[in-house]
């Protein structure tokens, strides 16, 4: 039995503004079509043929994480096409290239953990600022009640 070697590339769909927590509204087929179109545009028939067996192994739309599977002899061409691919307001960034899917999955889990930790910190700051606003609003309302302003009978 012949073992077919594959390479795996972990990419992230990022908004042009750089907002990491903006939801990705791009579908799996749109990404695949955009990458194939960029391969044909940049490298012509040679690039298209060399990466004809490339496919999306995993796509998580809420976070915009994508794992591509492709042949190892087209790694540089595929990476070059990925770096120049844009889909509407989004573009692709390469996070890791590996020979096994397991190493890419480990990196993906690590990135998810980092995103959760970062979102937790941002959410805490947001909640603290909202609590401060609520406190100041409550103080203003209390002052108005004590002074008798805005009270009608």
Protein backbone atom coordinates (compact mmCIF):
# COMPACT_ATOMS: atom_id res chain seq x y z
CA UNK A 1 0.00 0.00 0.00
CA UNK A 2 1.31 3.42 -0.95
CA UNK A 3 1.28 6.13 1.68
CA UNK A 4 0.27 9.51 0.37
CA UNK A 5 2.09 12.33 2.10
CA UNK A 6 0.24 15.49 2.90
CA UNK A 7 1.01 18.86 4.43
CA UNK A 8 -1.35 20.81 6.63
CA UNK A 9 -1.58 24.58 6.91
CA UNK A 10 -3.38 26.38 9.72
CA UNK A 11 -4.75 29.76 8.63
CA UNK A 12 -6.97 32.40 10.12
CA UNK A 13 -9.57 34.48 8.30
CA UNK A 14 -8.94 38.03 9.57
CA UNK A 15 -10.93 41.21 8.96
CA UNK A 16 -9.01 44.02 7.25
CA UNK A 17 -9.54 46.26 10.29
CA UNK A 18 -7.61 43.75 12.41
CA UNK A 19 -10.50 43.22 14.82
CA UNK A 20 -9.90 39.71 16.10
CA UNK A 21 -13.33 39.27 17.63
CA UNK A 22 -15.31 40.25 14.52
CA UNK A 23 -17.45 37.38 13.31
CA UNK A 24 -16.43 35.70 10.09
CA UNK A 25 -19.29 35.61 7.59
CA UNK A 26 -17.36 33.72 4.92
CA UNK A 27 -18.36 30.19 3.95
CA UNK A 28 -16.12 27.19 3.37
CA UNK A 29 -16.81 27.16 -0.38
CA UNK A 30 -16.01 30.87 -0.74
CA UNK A 31 -12.61 30.33 0.88
CA UNK A 32 -11.81 27.35 -1.32
CA UNK A 33 -12.88 29.17 -4.50
CA UNK A 34 -10.90 32.28 -3.57
CA UNK A 35 -7.72 30.26 -2.92
CA UNK A 36 -8.08 28.34 -6.20
CA UNK A 37 -8.69 31.59 -8.09
CA UNK A 38 -5.61 33.17 -6.49
CA UNK A 39 -3.53 30.08 -7.40
CA UNK A 40 -4.64 30.36 -11.03
CA UNK A 41 -4.08 34.13 -11.07
CA UNK A 42 -0.63 34.06 -9.48
CA UNK A 43 0.88 30.85 -10.87
CA UNK A 44 -1.29 29.99 -13.85
CA UNK A 45 -1.91 26.42 -14.92
CA UNK A 46 1.28 25.21 -13.21
CA UNK A 47 0.09 26.38 -9.78
CA UNK A 48 -3.42 25.09 -10.33
CA UNK A 49 -2.20 21.64 -11.33
CA UNK A 50 0.40 21.43 -8.56
CA UNK A 51 -2.22 22.22 -5.89
CA UNK A 52 -5.23 20.53 -7.50
CA UNK A 53 -5.62 18.11 -4.59
CA UNK A 54 -5.72 20.85 -1.97
CA UNK A 55 -8.81 20.95 0.20
CA UNK A 56 -10.16 22.36 3.42
CA UNK A 57 -9.92 19.77 6.16
CA UNK A 58 -11.43 21.91 8.94
CA UNK A 59 -13.24 25.25 9.07
CA UNK A 60 -14.61 26.90 12.22
CA UNK A 61 -16.70 29.86 11.11
CA UNK A 62 -17.12 31.69 14.46
CA UNK A 63 -13.35 32.00 14.94
CA UNK A 64 -12.34 31.95 11.28
CA UNK A 65 -9.79 29.13 11.69
CA UNK A 66 -9.10 26.98 8.62
CA UNK A 67 -6.92 23.90 8.12
CA UNK A 68 -5.89 23.22 4.52
CA UNK A 69 -4.57 19.87 3.29
CA UNK A 70 -2.30 19.85 0.23
CA UNK A 71 0.60 18.01 -1.45
CA UNK A 72 4.09 18.75 -0.05
CA UNK A 73 5.60 19.64 -3.43
CA UNK A 74 3.20 22.60 -3.72
CA UNK A 75 3.90 24.03 -0.26
CA UNK A 76 5.64 27.23 -1.35
CA UNK A 77 3.20 27.95 -4.15
CA UNK A 78 0.19 27.24 -1.93
CA UNK A 79 1.60 29.41 0.87
CA UNK A 80 2.21 32.26 -1.58
CA UNK A 81 -1.34 32.07 -2.85
CA UNK A 82 -2.77 31.96 0.68
CA UNK A 83 -0.83 35.08 1.68
CA UNK A 84 -2.37 37.06 -1.21
CA UNK A 85 -5.92 35.74 -0.94
CA UNK A 86 -8.66 38.21 -0.02
CA UNK A 87 -12.35 37.42 0.35
CA UNK A 88 -14.38 40.62 0.49
CA UNK A 89 -13.33 42.42 3.68
CA UNK A 90 -11.31 39.43 4.92
CA UNK A 91 -7.85 38.04 4.19
CA UNK A 92 -6.02 34.86 5.20
CA UNK A 93 -2.98 34.72 7.48
CA UNK A 94 -0.82 31.63 7.90
CA UNK A 95 -0.38 30.46 11.49
CA UNK A 96 1.49 27.16 11.02
CA UNK A 97 2.53 24.61 8.41
CA UNK A 98 3.16 21.01 9.49
CA UNK A 99 3.53 17.52 8.14
CA UNK A 100 0.90 15.96 10.38
CA UNK A 101 -2.59 17.02 11.26
CA UNK A 102 -1.92 16.34 14.93
CA UNK A 103 0.64 19.14 15.27
CA UNK A 104 -1.68 21.58 13.53
CA UNK A 105 -4.52 20.55 15.86
CA UNK A 106 -2.27 21.18 18.88
CA UNK A 107 -1.49 24.67 17.58
CA UNK A 108 -5.19 25.29 16.94
CA UNK A 109 -6.08 24.32 20.52
CA UNK A 110 -3.31 26.59 21.82
CA UNK A 111 -4.66 29.51 19.77
CA UNK A 112 -8.20 28.86 21.02
CA UNK A 113 -6.96 28.90 24.62
CA UNK A 114 -5.15 32.19 24.04
CA UNK A 115 -8.26 33.71 22.43
CA UNK A 116 -10.43 32.63 25.36
CA UNK A 117 -7.98 34.13 27.85
CA UNK A 118 -7.79 37.37 25.85
CA UNK A 119 -11.58 37.58 25.55
CA UNK A 120 -11.90 36.99 29.30
CA UNK A 121 -9.56 39.91 30.05
CA UNK A 122 -11.41 42.19 27.63
CA UNK A 123 -14.78 41.15 29.06
CA UNK A 124 -13.60 41.86 32.63
CA UNK A 125 -12.48 45.35 31.61
CA UNK A 126 -15.80 45.90 29.86
CA UNK A 127 -17.76 44.74 32.91
CA UNK A 128 -15.65 46.96 35.22
CA UNK A 129 -16.33 50.01 33.05
CA UNK A 130 -20.06 49.21 32.94
CA UNK A 131 -20.12 48.85 36.73
CA UNK A 132 -18.45 52.26 37.10
CA UNK A 133 -21.00 53.82 34.76
CA UNK A 134 -23.84 52.23 36.74
CA UNK A 135 -22.36 53.57 40.00
CA UNK A 136 -22.08 57.12 38.65
CA UNK A 137 -25.62 56.95 37.24
CA UNK A 138 -26.92 55.71 40.60
CA UNK A 139 -25.09 58.52 42.42
CA UNK A 140 -26.57 61.11 40.05
CA UNK A 141 -30.08 59.74 40.53
CA UNK A 142 -29.63 59.75 44.31
CA UNK A 143 -28.45 63.37 44.24
CA UNK A 144 -31.48 64.34 42.14
CA UNK A 145 -33.84 62.64 44.58
CA UNK A 146 -32.20 64.28 47.60
CA UNK A 147 -32.28 67.74 46.03
CA UNK A 148 -35.85 67.29 44.80
CA UNK A 149 -35.00 67.91 41.14
CA UNK A 150 -37.09 66.10 38.60
CA UNK A 151 -39.58 64.89 41.21
CA UNK A 152 -43.21 65.57 40.31
CA UNK A 153 -46.32 64.76 42.29
